[in-house]
Amino acid sequence: VQLQASGGGLVQAGGSLRLSCAASGRTFGNSAMGWFRQAPGKEREFVVGISNSGDRTFYADSVKGRFTISRDNAKNTVYLQMNSLKPEDTAVYYCASRPGFIAGVSSREEHYAYWGQGTLVTVSS
């Protein structure tokens, strides 16, 4: 599985961005996906996860109510809609896929086998 994240950029506080993560491979629809982020000088952290069918999601408290994850299995793509962005959301955002036929959501990095290259989101104050 190869993952390609896109959609990052520079936005003012309060603005919105939508990230996309396009996946190759025939097992996309069988695997849960997630978004993580890494701010400068900090460890990578979990942002949100989505089950293989999209019926279950789990958000970090820091983004709950502002970010929305979704997926289109027909297009092998997962999305992250980010609204009401704050300067503290500035980070490189990574999409990740759980291995094989694992449907459940997880917030743990070690549960994800495949990672995209990351896309930079910068929120100015």
PDB file of N, CA and C in Angstrom:
ATOM      1  N   VAL A   1       0.852  -1.193   0.000  1.00  0.00           N
ATOM      2  CA  VAL A   1       0.000   0.000   0.000  1.00  0.00           C
ATOM      3  C   VAL A   1       0.885   1.238   0.000  1.00  0.00           C
ATOM      4  N   GLN A   2       0.604   2.139  -0.910  1.00  0.00           N
ATOM      5  CA  GLN A   2       1.304   3.431  -0.928  1.00  0.00           C
ATOM      6  C   GLN A   2       0.292   4.528  -0.686  1.00  0.00           C
ATOM      7  N   LEU A   3       0.677   5.483   0.139  1.00  0.00           N
ATOM      8  CA  LEU A   3      -0.212   6.582   0.516  1.00  0.00           C
ATOM      9  C   LEU A   3       0.396   7.907   0.095  1.00  0.00           C
ATOM     10  N   GLN A   4      -0.430   8.770  -0.478  1.00  0.00           N
ATOM     11  CA  GLN A   4       0.027  10.074  -0.939  1.00  0.00           C
ATOM     12  C   GLN A   4      -0.877  11.136  -0.344  1.00  0.00           C
ATOM     13  N   ALA A   5      -0.323  11.904   0.604  1.00  0.00           N
ATOM     14  CA  ALA A   5      -1.093  12.966   1.246  1.00  0.00           C
ATOM     15  C   ALA A   5      -0.910  14.278   0.500  1.00  0.00           C
ATOM     16  N   SER A   6      -1.961  15.071   0.471  1.00  0.00           N
ATOM     17  CA  SER A   6      -1.902  16.377  -0.188  1.00  0.00           C
ATOM     18  C   SER A   6      -2.905  17.317   0.452  1.00  0.00           C
ATOM     19  N   GLY A   7      -2.819  18.597   0.080  1.00  0.00           N
ATOM     20  CA  GLY A   7      -3.796  19.569   0.543  1.00  0.00           C
ATOM     21  C   GLY A   7      -3.297  20.524   1.610  1.00  0.00           C
ATOM     22  N   GLY A   8      -2.084  20.320   2.081  1.00  0.00           N
ATOM     23  CA  GLY A   8      -1.549  21.215   3.080  1.00  0.00           C
ATOM     24  C   GLY A   8      -1.260  22.588   2.508  1.00  0.00           C
ATOM     25  N   GLY A   9      -0.986  23.532   3.395  1.00  0.00           N
ATOM     26  CA  GLY A   9      -0.676  24.877   2.952  1.00  0.00           C
ATOM     27  C   GLY A   9      -0.677  25.855   4.106  1.00  0.00           C
ATOM     28  N   LEU A  10      -0.670  27.126   3.757  1.00  0.00           N
ATOM     29  CA  LEU A  10      -0.666  28.206   4.737  1.00  0.00           C
ATOM     30  C   LEU A  10      -2.063  28.797   4.830  1.00  0.00           C
ATOM     31  N   VAL A  11      -2.570  28.910   6.044  1.00  0.00           N
ATOM     32  CA  VAL A  11      -3.917  29.446   6.252  1.00  0.00           C
ATOM     33  C   VAL A  11      -3.914  30.299   7.513  1.00  0.00           C
ATOM     34  N   GLN A  12      -4.777  31.293   7.545  1.00  0.00           N
ATOM     35  CA  GLN A  12      -4.894  32.120   8.742  1.00  0.00           C
ATOM     36  C   GLN A  12      -5.711  31.400   9.804  1.00  0.00           C
ATOM     37  N   ALA A  13      -5.482  31.773  11.036  1.00  0.00           N
ATOM     38  CA  ALA A  13      -6.260  31.220  12.135  1.00  0.00           C
ATOM     39  C   ALA A  13      -7.749  31.444  11.869  1.00  0.00           C
ATOM     40  N   GLY A  14      -8.534  30.414  12.137  1.00  0.00           N
ATOM     41  CA  GLY A  14      -9.958  30.468  11.866  1.00  0.00           C
ATOM     42  C   GLY A  14     -10.345  29.945  10.503  1.00  0.00           C
ATOM     43  N   GLY A  15      -9.354  29.720   9.661  1.00  0.00           N
ATOM     44  CA  GLY A  15      -9.614  29.241   8.315  1.00  0.00           C
ATOM     45  C   GLY A  15      -9.775  27.741   8.244  1.00  0.00           C
ATOM     46  N   SER A  16      -9.893  27.240   7.008  1.00  0.00           N
ATOM     47  CA  SER A  16     -10.131  25.819   6.778  1.00  0.00           C
ATOM     48  C   SER A  16      -9.187  25.273   5.712  1.00  0.00           C
ATOM     49  N   LEU A  17      -8.940  23.997   5.813  1.00  0.00           N
ATOM     50  CA  LEU A  17      -8.200  23.255   4.794  1.00  0.00           C
ATOM     51  C   LEU A  17      -8.787  21.856   4.718  1.00  0.00           C
ATOM     52  N   ARG A  18      -8.657  21.243   3.555  1.00  0.00           N
ATOM     53  CA  ARG A  18      -9.045  19.840   3.426  1.00  0.00           C
ATOM     54  C   ARG A  18      -7.852  19.044   2.917  1.00  0.00           C
ATOM     55  N   LEU A  19      -7.447  18.092   3.701  1.00  0.00           N
ATOM     56  CA  LEU A  19      -6.368  17.199   3.308  1.00  0.00           C
ATOM     57  C   LEU A  19      -6.949  15.955   2.643  1.00  0.00           C
ATOM     58  N   SER A  20      -6.191  15.419   1.709  1.00  0.00           N
ATOM     59  CA  SER A  20      -6.567  14.178   1.050  1.00  0.00           C
ATOM     60  C   SER A  20      -5.431  13.178   1.164  1.00  0.00           C
ATOM     61  N   CYS A  21      -5.784  11.935   1.183  1.00  0.00           N
ATOM     62  CA  CYS A  21      -4.787  10.873   1.201  1.00  0.00           C
ATOM     63  C   CYS A  21      -5.240   9.804   0.218  1.00  0.00           C
ATOM     64  N   ALA A  22      -4.533   9.710  -0.889  1.00  0.00           N
ATOM     65  CA  ALA A  22      -4.860   8.735  -1.925  1.00  0.00           C
ATOM     66  C   ALA A  22      -4.025   7.478  -1.716  1.00  0.00           C
ATOM     67  N   ALA A  23      -4.689   6.351  -1.769  1.00  0.00           N
ATOM     68  CA  ALA A  23      -4.009   5.082  -1.514  1.00  0.00           C
ATOM     69  C   ALA A  23      -4.023   4.192  -2.747  1.00  0.00           C
ATOM     70  N   SER A  24      -2.954   3.479  -2.923  1.00  0.00           N
ATOM     71  CA  SER A  24      -2.899   2.464  -3.967  1.00  0.00           C
ATOM     72  C   SER A  24      -3.089   1.115  -3.297  1.00  0.00           C
ATOM     73  N   GLY A  25      -3.452   0.128  -4.055  1.00  0.00           N
ATOM     74  CA  GLY A  25      -3.609  -1.191  -3.466  1.00  0.00           C
ATOM     75  C   GLY A  25      -5.061  -1.608  -3.375  1.00  0.00           C
ATOM     76  N   ARG A  26      -5.302  -2.882  -3.541  1.00  0.00           N
ATOM     77  CA  ARG A  26      -6.674  -3.377  -3.603  1.00  0.00           C
ATOM     78  C   ARG A  26      -7.313  -3.556  -2.241  1.00  0.00           C
ATOM     79  N   THR A  27      -6.530  -3.416  -1.158  1.00  0.00           N
ATOM     80  CA  THR A  27      -7.098  -3.672   0.163  1.00  0.00           C
ATOM     81  C   THR A  27      -7.532  -2.413   0.893  1.00  0.00           C
ATOM     82  N   PHE A  28      -7.557  -1.264   0.208  1.00  0.00           N
ATOM     83  CA  PHE A  28      -7.859  -0.007   0.884  1.00  0.00           C
ATOM     84  C   PHE A  28      -9.154  -0.096   1.652  1.00  0.00           C
ATOM     85  N   GLY A  29     -10.201  -0.596   1.034  1.00  0.00           N
ATOM     86  CA  GLY A  29     -11.508  -0.626   1.660  1.00  0.00           C
ATOM     87  C   GLY A  29     -11.617  -1.603   2.814  1.00  0.00           C
ATOM     88  N   ASN A  30     -10.591  -2.407   3.031  1.00  0.00           N
ATOM     89  CA  ASN A  30     -10.612  -3.374   4.122  1.00  0.00           C
ATOM     90  C   ASN A  30      -9.910  -2.876   5.370  1.00  0.00           C
ATOM     91  N   SER A  31      -9.257  -1.741   5.278  1.00  0.00           N
ATOM     92  CA  SER A  31      -8.373  -1.308   6.367  1.00  0.00           C
ATOM     93  C   SER A  31      -8.819   0.017   6.971  1.00  0.00           C
ATOM     94  N   ALA A  32      -8.695   0.085   8.290  1.00  0.00           N
ATOM     95  CA  ALA A  32      -8.901   1.357   8.976  1.00  0.00           C
ATOM     96  C   ALA A  32      -7.766   2.313   8.632  1.00  0.00           C
ATOM     97  N   MET A  33      -8.063   3.589   8.669  1.00  0.00           N
ATOM     98  CA  MET A  33      -7.102   4.628   8.333  1.00  0.00           C
ATOM     99  C   MET A  33      -7.010   5.630   9.478  1.00  0.00           C
ATOM    100  N   GLY A  34      -5.939   6.403   9.457  1.00  0.00           N
ATOM    101  CA  GLY A  34      -5.790   7.424  10.482  1.00  0.00           C
ATOM    102  C   GLY A  34      -4.980   8.601   9.990  1.00  0.00           C
ATOM    103  N   TRP A  35      -5.113   9.700  10.694  1.00  0.00           N
ATOM    104  CA  TRP A  35      -4.279  10.882  10.481  1.00  0.00           C
ATOM    105  C   TRP A  35      -3.515  11.151  11.772  1.00  0.00           C
ATOM    106  N   PHE A  36      -2.242  11.436  11.609  1.00  0.00           N
ATOM    107  CA  PHE A  36      -1.375  11.830  12.708  1.00  0.00           C
ATOM    108  C   PHE A  36      -0.723  13.152  12.317  1.00  0.00           C
ATOM    109  N   ARG A  37      -0.127  13.833  13.287  1.00  0.00           N
ATOM    110  CA  ARG A  37       0.586  15.065  12.970  1.00  0.00           C
ATOM    111  C   ARG A  37       1.805  15.210  13.868  1.00  0.00           C
ATOM    112  N   GLN A  38       2.769  15.949  13.356  1.00  0.00           N
ATOM    113  CA  GLN A  38       3.977  16.206  14.118  1.00  0.00           C
ATOM    114  C   GLN A  38       4.329  17.677  14.002  1.00  0.00           C
ATOM    115  N   ALA A  39       4.237  18.360  15.119  1.00  0.00           N
ATOM    116  CA  ALA A  39       4.585  19.774  15.171  1.00  0.00           C
ATOM    117  C   ALA A  39       6.097  19.918  15.360  1.00  0.00           C
ATOM    118  N   PRO A  40       6.654  21.056  14.992  1.00  0.00           N
ATOM    119  CA  PRO A  40       8.103  21.255  15.154  1.00  0.00           C
ATOM    120  C   PRO A  40       8.546  21.033  16.585  1.00  0.00           C
ATOM    121  N   GLY A  41       9.546  20.187  16.753  1.00  0.00           N
ATOM    122  CA  GLY A  41      10.098  19.942  18.074  1.00  0.00           C
ATOM    123  C   GLY A  41       9.274  19.038  18.968  1.00  0.00           C
ATOM    124  N   LYS A  42       8.218  18.465  18.410  1.00  0.00           N
ATOM    125  CA  LYS A  42       7.340  17.607  19.215  1.00  0.00           C
ATOM    126  C   LYS A  42       7.244  16.215  18.607  1.00  0.00           C
ATOM    127  N   GLU A  43       6.750  15.282  19.393  1.00  0.00           N
ATOM    128  CA  GLU A  43       6.536  13.933  18.901  1.00  0.00           C
ATOM    129  C   GLU A  43       5.270  13.878  18.051  1.00  0.00           C
ATOM    130  N   ARG A  44       5.252  12.889  17.190  1.00  0.00           N
ATOM    131  CA  ARG A  44       4.054  12.698  16.376  1.00  0.00           C
ATOM    132  C   ARG A  44       2.891  12.287  17.273  1.00  0.00           C
ATOM    133  N   GLU A  45       1.705  12.825  16.951  1.00  0.00           N
ATOM    134  CA  GLU A  45       0.538  12.525  17.772  1.00  0.00           C
ATOM    135  C   GLU A  45      -0.646  12.131  16.899  1.00  0.00           C
ATOM    136  N   PHE A  46      -1.527  11.374  17.489  1.00  0.00           N
ATOM    137  CA  PHE A  46      -2.745  10.930  16.818  1.00  0.00           C
ATOM    138  C   PHE A  46      -3.714  12.098  16.671  1.00  0.00           C
ATOM    139  N   VAL A  47      -4.387  12.158  15.523  1.00  0.00           N
ATOM    140  CA  VAL A  47      -5.397  13.179  15.284  1.00  0.00           C
ATOM    141  C   VAL A  47      -6.786  12.545  15.200  1.00  0.00           C
ATOM    142  N   VAL A  48      -6.936  11.576  14.311  1.00  0.00           N
ATOM    143  CA  VAL A  48      -8.251  10.971  14.108  1.00  0.00           C
ATOM    144  C   VAL A  48      -8.091   9.658  13.364  1.00  0.00           C
ATOM    145  N   GLY A  49      -9.013   8.723  13.618  1.00  0.00           N
ATOM    146  CA  GLY A  49      -9.028   7.462  12.896  1.00  0.00           C
ATOM    147  C   GLY A  49     -10.425   7.166  12.381  1.00  0.00           C
ATOM    148  N   ILE A  50     -10.484   6.317  11.346  1.00  0.00           N
ATOM    149  CA  ILE A  50     -11.757   5.945  10.757  1.00  0.00           C
ATOM    150  C   ILE A  50     -11.719   4.460  10.422  1.00  0.00           C
ATOM    151  N   SER A  51     -12.837   3.782  10.654  1.00  0.00           N
ATOM    152  CA  SER A  51     -12.915   2.353  10.370  1.00  0.00           C
ATOM    153  C   SER A  51     -12.924   2.099   8.865  1.00  0.00           C
ATOM    154  N   ASN A  52     -12.825   0.834   8.495  1.00  0.00           N
ATOM    155  CA  ASN A  52     -12.730   0.520   7.065  1.00  0.00           C
ATOM    156  C   ASN A  52     -13.967   0.949   6.296  1.00  0.00           C
ATOM    157  N   SER A  53     -15.118   0.833   6.894  1.00  0.00           N
ATOM    158  CA  SER A  53     -16.362   1.207   6.210  1.00  0.00           C
ATOM    159  C   SER A  53     -16.719   2.683   6.402  1.00  0.00           C
ATOM    160  N   GLY A  54     -16.060   3.335   7.335  1.00  0.00           N
ATOM    161  CA  GLY A  54     -16.333   4.735   7.596  1.00  0.00           C
ATOM    162  C   GLY A  54     -17.411   4.977   8.631  1.00  0.00           C
ATOM    163  N   ASP A  55     -17.944   3.907   9.233  1.00  0.00           N
ATOM    164  CA  ASP A  55     -19.048   4.087  10.173  1.00  0.00           C
ATOM    165  C   ASP A  55     -18.581   4.402  11.586  1.00  0.00           C
ATOM    166  N   ARG A  56     -17.306   4.256  11.856  1.00  0.00           N
ATOM    167  CA  ARG A  56     -16.782   4.577  13.171  1.00  0.00           C
ATOM    168  C   ARG A  56     -15.579   5.501  13.043  1.00  0.00           C
ATOM    169  N   THR A  57     -15.567   6.505  13.907  1.00  0.00           N
ATOM    170  CA  THR A  57     -14.456   7.447  13.946  1.00  0.00           C
ATOM    171  C   THR A  57     -14.040   7.699  15.387  1.00  0.00           C
ATOM    172  N   PHE A  58     -12.827   8.161  15.548  1.00  0.00           N
ATOM    173  CA  PHE A  58     -12.331   8.476  16.882  1.00  0.00           C
ATOM    174  C   PHE A  58     -11.405   9.658  16.752  1.00  0.00           C
ATOM    175  N   TYR A  59     -11.698  10.736  17.513  1.00  0.00           N
ATOM    176  CA  TYR A  59     -10.959  11.976  17.402  1.00  0.00           C
ATOM    177  C   TYR A  59     -10.157  12.262  18.670  1.00  0.00           C
ATOM    178  N   ALA A  60      -9.004  12.858  18.481  1.00  0.00           N
ATOM    179  CA  ALA A  60      -8.276  13.406  19.619  1.00  0.00           C
ATOM    180  C   ALA A  60      -9.080  14.580  20.175  1.00  0.00           C
ATOM    181  N   ASP A  61      -9.021  14.767  21.479  1.00  0.00           N
ATOM    182  CA  ASP A  61      -9.797  15.838  22.102  1.00  0.00           C
ATOM    183  C   ASP A  61      -9.442  17.210  21.519  1.00  0.00           C
ATOM    184  N   SER A  62      -8.207  17.369  21.125  1.00  0.00           N
ATOM    185  CA  SER A  62      -7.743  18.673  20.650  1.00  0.00           C
ATOM    186  C   SER A  62      -8.389  19.107  19.338  1.00  0.00           C
ATOM    187  N   VAL A  63      -8.944  18.163  18.592  1.00  0.00           N
ATOM    188  CA  VAL A  63      -9.522  18.506  17.288  1.00  0.00           C
ATOM    189  C   VAL A  63     -11.016  18.209  17.217  1.00  0.00           C
ATOM    190  N   LYS A  64     -11.558  17.615  18.240  1.00  0.00           N
ATOM    191  CA  LYS A  64     -12.965  17.233  18.240  1.00  0.00           C
ATOM    192  C   LYS A  64     -13.852  18.459  18.041  1.00  0.00           C
ATOM    193  N   GLY A  65     -14.790  18.330  17.114  1.00  0.00           N
ATOM    194  CA  GLY A  65     -15.689  19.443  16.833  1.00  0.00           C
ATOM    195  C   GLY A  65     -15.179  20.397  15.771  1.00  0.00           C
ATOM    196  N   ARG A  66     -13.905  20.273  15.419  1.00  0.00           N
ATOM    197  CA  ARG A  66     -13.325  21.153  14.386  1.00  0.00           C
ATOM    198  C   ARG A  66     -12.891  20.372  13.145  1.00  0.00           C
ATOM    199  N   PHE A  67     -12.433  19.173  13.336  1.00  0.00           N
ATOM    200  CA  PHE A  67     -11.956  18.339  12.229  1.00  0.00           C
ATOM    201  C   PHE A  67     -12.968  17.232  11.941  1.00  0.00           C
ATOM    202  N   THR A  68     -13.042  16.840  10.664  1.00  0.00           N
ATOM    203  CA  THR A  68     -13.920  15.743  10.269  1.00  0.00           C
ATOM    204  C   THR A  68     -13.188  14.832   9.297  1.00  0.00           C
ATOM    205  N   ILE A  69     -13.163  13.565   9.618  1.00  0.00           N
ATOM    206  CA  ILE A  69     -12.556  12.591   8.731  1.00  0.00           C
ATOM    207  C   ILE A  69     -13.644  11.885   7.941  1.00  0.00           C
ATOM    208  N   SER A  70     -13.327  11.539   6.707  1.00  0.00           N
ATOM    209  CA  SER A  70     -14.253  10.778   5.887  1.00  0.00           C
ATOM    210  C   SER A  70     -13.428   9.963   4.889  1.00  0.00           C
ATOM    211  N   ARG A  71     -14.092   9.036   4.229  1.00  0.00           N
ATOM    212  CA  ARG A  71     -13.386   8.245   3.235  1.00  0.00           C
ATOM    213  C   ARG A  71     -14.322   7.888   2.103  1.00  0.00           C
ATOM    214  N   ASP A  72     -13.731   7.711   0.931  1.00  0.00           N
ATOM    215  CA  ASP A  72     -14.452   7.275  -0.250  1.00  0.00           C
ATOM    216  C   ASP A  72     -13.728   6.038  -0.756  1.00  0.00           C
ATOM    217  N   ASN A  73     -14.235   4.882  -0.428  1.00  0.00           N
ATOM    218  CA  ASN A  73     -13.537   3.644  -0.787  1.00  0.00           C
ATOM    219  C   ASN A  73     -13.526   3.412  -2.297  1.00  0.00           C
ATOM    220  N   ALA A  74     -14.485   3.960  -3.001  1.00  0.00           N
ATOM    221  CA  ALA A  74     -14.495   3.819  -4.458  1.00  0.00           C
ATOM    222  C   ALA A  74     -13.333   4.587  -5.089  1.00  0.00           C
ATOM    223  N   LYS A  75     -12.886   5.628  -4.401  1.00  0.00           N
ATOM    224  CA  LYS A  75     -11.781   6.444  -4.904  1.00  0.00           C
ATOM    225  C   LYS A  75     -10.472   6.165  -4.156  1.00  0.00           C
ATOM    226  N   ASN A  76     -10.501   5.208  -3.231  1.00  0.00           N
ATOM    227  CA  ASN A  76      -9.305   4.879  -2.444  1.00  0.00           C
ATOM    228  C   ASN A  76      -8.710   6.119  -1.781  1.00  0.00           C
ATOM    229  N   THR A  77      -9.583   6.929  -1.210  1.00  0.00           N
ATOM    230  CA  THR A  77      -9.130   8.203  -0.652  1.00  0.00           C
ATOM    231  C   THR A  77      -9.777   8.453   0.706  1.00  0.00           C
ATOM    232  N   VAL A  78      -8.976   8.978   1.607  1.00  0.00           N
ATOM    233  CA  VAL A  78      -9.490   9.436   2.897  1.00  0.00           C
ATOM    234  C   VAL A  78      -9.243  10.936   2.992  1.00  0.00           C
ATOM    235  N   TYR A  79     -10.171  11.631   3.623  1.00  0.00           N
ATOM    236  CA  TYR A  79     -10.118  13.092   3.697  1.00  0.00           C
ATOM    237  C   TYR A  79     -10.079  13.547   5.151  1.00  0.00           C
ATOM    238  N   LEU A  80      -9.500  14.718   5.349  1.00  0.00           N
ATOM    239  CA  LEU A  80      -9.534  15.360   6.649  1.00  0.00           C
ATOM    240  C   LEU A  80      -9.925  16.814   6.442  1.00  0.00           C
ATOM    241  N   GLN A  81     -11.161  17.128   6.797  1.00  0.00           N
ATOM    242  CA  GLN A  81     -11.641  18.503   6.721  1.00  0.00           C
ATOM    243  C   GLN A  81     -11.300  19.192   8.031  1.00  0.00           C
ATOM    244  N   MET A  82     -10.558  20.262   7.944  1.00  0.00           N
ATOM    245  CA  MET A  82     -10.103  20.975   9.137  1.00  0.00           C
ATOM    246  C   MET A  82     -10.679  22.383   9.133  1.00  0.00           C
ATOM    247  N   ASN A  83     -11.509  22.662  10.107  1.00  0.00           N
ATOM    248  CA  ASN A  83     -12.131  23.976  10.249  1.00  0.00           C
ATOM    249  C   ASN A  83     -11.657  24.653  11.529  1.00  0.00           C
ATOM    250  N   SER A  84     -11.893  25.947  11.613  1.00  0.00           N
ATOM    251  CA  SER A  84     -11.519  26.716  12.808  1.00  0.00           C
ATOM    252  C   SER A  84     -10.081  26.435  13.217  1.00  0.00           C
ATOM    253  N   LEU A  85      -9.205  26.494  12.251  1.00  0.00           N
ATOM    254  CA  LEU A  85      -7.810  26.152  12.514  1.00  0.00           C
ATOM    255  C   LEU A  85      -7.155  27.137  13.470  1.00  0.00           C
ATOM    256  N   LYS A  86      -6.256  26.594  14.281  1.00  0.00           N
ATOM    257  CA  LYS A  86      -5.538  27.374  15.277  1.00  0.00           C
ATOM    258  C   LYS A  86      -4.034  27.290  15.011  1.00  0.00           C
ATOM    259  N   PRO A  87      -3.263  28.248  15.458  1.00  0.00           N
ATOM    260  CA  PRO A  87      -1.809  28.163  15.267  1.00  0.00           C
ATOM    261  C   PRO A  87      -1.222  26.860  15.811  1.00  0.00           C
ATOM    262  N   GLU A  88      -1.800  26.339  16.868  1.00  0.00           N
ATOM    263  CA  GLU A  88      -1.280  25.093  17.439  1.00  0.00           C
ATOM    264  C   GLU A  88      -1.583  23.860  16.588  1.00  0.00           C
ATOM    265  N   ASP A  89      -2.350  24.032  15.524  1.00  0.00           N
ATOM    266  CA  ASP A  89      -2.576  22.943  14.571  1.00  0.00           C
ATOM    267  C   ASP A  89      -1.450  22.851  13.547  1.00  0.00           C
ATOM    268  N   THR A  90      -0.535  23.811  13.577  1.00  0.00           N
ATOM    269  CA  THR A  90       0.592  23.794  12.652  1.00  0.00           C
ATOM    270  C   THR A  90       1.426  22.531  12.860  1.00  0.00           C
ATOM    271  N   ALA A  91       1.596  21.769  11.772  1.00  0.00           N
ATOM    272  CA  ALA A  91       2.308  20.495  11.870  1.00  0.00           C
ATOM    273  C   ALA A  91       2.407  19.872  10.478  1.00  0.00           C
ATOM    274  N   VAL A  92       3.220  18.851  10.391  1.00  0.00           N
ATOM    275  CA  VAL A  92       3.183  17.972   9.223  1.00  0.00           C
ATOM    276  C   VAL A  92       2.150  16.894   9.523  1.00  0.00           C
ATOM    277  N   TYR A  93       1.210  16.738   8.618  1.00  0.00           N
ATOM    278  CA  TYR A  93       0.127  15.778   8.793  1.00  0.00           C
ATOM    279  C   TYR A  93       0.414  14.535   7.953  1.00  0.00           C
ATOM    280  N   TYR A  94       0.282  13.383   8.599  1.00  0.00           N
ATOM    281  CA  TYR A  94       0.549  12.108   7.959  1.00  0.00           C
ATOM    282  C   TYR A  94      -0.719  11.262   7.949  1.00  0.00           C
ATOM    283  N   CYS A  95      -1.003  10.625   6.811  1.00  0.00           N
ATOM    284  CA  CYS A  95      -2.043   9.619   6.810  1.00  0.00           C
ATOM    285  C   CYS A  95      -1.386   8.253   6.954  1.00  0.00           C
ATOM    286  N   ALA A  96      -2.146   7.338   7.504  1.00  0.00           N
ATOM    287  CA  ALA A  96      -1.615   6.011   7.768  1.00  0.00           C
ATOM    288  C   ALA A  96      -2.714   4.977   7.607  1.00  0.00           C
ATOM    289  N   SER A  97      -2.293   3.761   7.286  1.00  0.00           N
ATOM    290  CA  SER A  97      -3.232   2.666   7.079  1.00  0.00           C
ATOM    291  C   SER A  97      -2.870   1.488   7.975  1.00  0.00           C
ATOM    292  N   ARG A  98      -3.883   0.891   8.555  1.00  0.00           N
ATOM    293  CA  ARG A  98      -3.647  -0.324   9.308  1.00  0.00           C
ATOM    294  C   ARG A  98      -3.411  -1.459   8.315  1.00  0.00           C
ATOM    295  N   PRO A  99      -2.687  -2.471   8.708  1.00  0.00           N
ATOM    296  CA  PRO A  99      -2.339  -3.532   7.761  1.00  0.00           C
ATOM    297  C   PRO A  99      -3.490  -4.471   7.472  1.00  0.00           C
ATOM    298  N   GLY A 100      -3.499  -4.998   6.266  1.00  0.00           N
ATOM    299  CA  GLY A 100      -4.391  -6.079   5.906  1.00  0.00           C
ATOM    300  C   GLY A 100      -5.852  -5.782   6.132  1.00  0.00           C
ATOM    301  N   PHE A 101      -6.556  -6.784   6.618  1.00  0.00           N
ATOM    302  CA  PHE A 101      -8.001  -6.701   6.779  1.00  0.00           C
ATOM    303  C   PHE A 101      -8.355  -6.331   8.220  1.00  0.00           C
ATOM    304  N   ILE A 102      -7.822  -5.210   8.670  1.00  0.00           N
ATOM    305  CA  ILE A 102      -8.117  -4.742  10.022  1.00  0.00           C
ATOM    306  C   ILE A 102      -9.033  -3.544   9.940  1.00  0.00           C
ATOM    307  N   ALA A 103     -10.241  -3.718  10.440  1.00  0.00           N
ATOM    308  CA  ALA A 103     -11.275  -2.711  10.260  1.00  0.00           C
ATOM    309  C   ALA A 103     -11.327  -1.668  11.361  1.00  0.00           C
ATOM    310  N   GLY A 104     -10.878  -2.013  12.560  1.00  0.00           N
ATOM    311  CA  GLY A 104     -11.102  -1.171  13.721  1.00  0.00           C
ATOM    312  C   GLY A 104     -10.214   0.048  13.803  1.00  0.00           C
ATOM    313  N   VAL A 105     -10.735   1.082  14.461  1.00  0.00           N
ATOM    314  CA  VAL A 105     -10.022   2.339  14.643  1.00  0.00           C
ATOM    315  C   VAL A 105      -8.993   2.187  15.763  1.00  0.00           C
ATOM    316  N   SER A 106      -7.863   2.830  15.607  1.00  0.00           N
ATOM    317  CA  SER A 106      -6.856   2.835  16.660  1.00  0.00           C
ATOM    318  C   SER A 106      -6.152   4.185  16.697  1.00  0.00           C
ATOM    319  N   SER A 107      -5.764   4.579  17.897  1.00  0.00           N
ATOM    320  CA  SER A 107      -5.013   5.826  18.072  1.00  0.00           C
ATOM    321  C   SER A 107      -3.516   5.566  18.248  1.00  0.00           C
ATOM    322  N   ARG A 108      -3.125   4.316  18.179  1.00  0.00           N
ATOM    323  CA  ARG A 108      -1.740   3.954  18.465  1.00  0.00           C
ATOM    324  C   ARG A 108      -0.918   3.840  17.193  1.00  0.00           C
ATOM    325  N   GLU A 109       0.179   4.519  17.130  1.00  0.00           N
ATOM    326  CA  GLU A 109       1.044   4.508  15.943  1.00  0.00           C
ATOM    327  C   GLU A 109       1.472   3.108  15.556  1.00  0.00           C
ATOM    328  N   GLU A 110       1.774   2.297  16.528  1.00  0.00           N
ATOM    329  CA  GLU A 110       2.307   0.960  16.229  1.00  0.00           C
ATOM    330  C   GLU A 110       1.275   0.051  15.571  1.00  0.00           C
ATOM    331  N   HIS A 111       0.028   0.479  15.550  1.00  0.00           N
ATOM    332  CA  HIS A 111      -1.028  -0.307  14.904  1.00  0.00           C
ATOM    333  C   HIS A 111      -1.159   0.004  13.414  1.00  0.00           C
ATOM    334  N   TYR A 112      -0.376   0.957  12.946  1.00  0.00           N
ATOM    335  CA  TYR A 112      -0.445   1.353  11.538  1.00  0.00           C
ATOM    336  C   TYR A 112       0.815   0.871  10.803  1.00  0.00           C
ATOM    337  N   ALA A 113       0.616   0.273   9.657  1.00  0.00           N
ATOM    338  CA  ALA A 113       1.733  -0.343   8.940  1.00  0.00           C
ATOM    339  C   ALA A 113       2.244   0.515   7.782  1.00  0.00           C
ATOM    340  N   TYR A 114       1.381   1.341   7.231  1.00  0.00           N
ATOM    341  CA  TYR A 114       1.751   2.103   6.041  1.00  0.00           C
ATOM    342  C   TYR A 114       1.537   3.591   6.310  1.00  0.00           C
ATOM    343  N   TRP A 115       2.491   4.393   5.840  1.00  0.00           N
ATOM    344  CA  TRP A 115       2.465   5.833   6.118  1.00  0.00           C
ATOM    345  C   TRP A 115       2.714   6.624   4.840  1.00  0.00           C
ATOM    346  N   GLY A 116       2.002   7.737   4.730  1.00  0.00           N
ATOM    347  CA  GLY A 116       2.261   8.662   3.642  1.00  0.00           C
ATOM    348  C   GLY A 116       3.447   9.547   3.972  1.00  0.00           C
ATOM    349  N   GLN A 117       3.802  10.410   3.032  1.00  0.00           N
ATOM    350  CA  GLN A 117       4.996  11.222   3.196  1.00  0.00           C
ATOM    351  C   GLN A 117       4.773  12.480   4.021  1.00  0.00           C
ATOM    352  N   GLY A 118       3.542  12.812   4.278  1.00  0.00           N
ATOM    353  CA  GLY A 118       3.251  13.995   5.079  1.00  0.00           C
ATOM    354  C   GLY A 118       2.986  15.223   4.235  1.00  0.00           C
ATOM    355  N   THR A 119       2.121  16.075   4.746  1.00  0.00           N
ATOM    356  CA  THR A 119       1.835  17.354   4.099  1.00  0.00           C
ATOM    357  C   THR A 119       1.816  18.432   5.185  1.00  0.00           C
ATOM    358  N   LEU A 120       2.467  19.550   4.906  1.00  0.00           N
ATOM    359  CA  LEU A 120       2.659  20.592   5.918  1.00  0.00           C
ATOM    360  C   LEU A 120       1.459  21.529   5.974  1.00  0.00           C
ATOM    361  N   VAL A 121       0.957  21.710   7.167  1.00  0.00           N
ATOM    362  CA  VAL A 121      -0.104  22.676   7.436  1.00  0.00           C
ATOM    363  C   VAL A 121       0.458  23.752   8.356  1.00  0.00           C
ATOM    364  N   THR A 122       0.364  24.996   7.913  1.00  0.00           N
ATOM    365  CA  THR A 122       0.853  26.119   8.708  1.00  0.00           C
ATOM    366  C   THR A 122      -0.300  27.075   8.949  1.00  0.00           C
ATOM    367  N   VAL A 123      -0.577  27.345  10.216  1.00  0.00           N
ATOM    368  CA  VAL A 123      -1.667  28.239  10.578  1.00  0.00           C
ATOM    369  C   VAL A 123      -1.062  29.491  11.209  1.00  0.00           C
ATOM    370  N   SER A 124      -1.293  30.617  10.577  1.00  0.00           N
ATOM    371  CA  SER A 124      -0.738  31.869  11.083  1.00  0.00           C
ATOM    372  C   SER A 124      -1.734  32.562  11.998  1.00  0.00           C
ATOM    373  N   SER A 125      -1.213  33.276  12.964  1.00  0.00           N
ATOM    374  CA  SER A 125      -2.083  33.961  13.924  1.00  0.00           C
ATOM    375  C   SER A 125      -2.421  35.372  13.476  1.00  0.00           C
TER     376      SER A 125
END
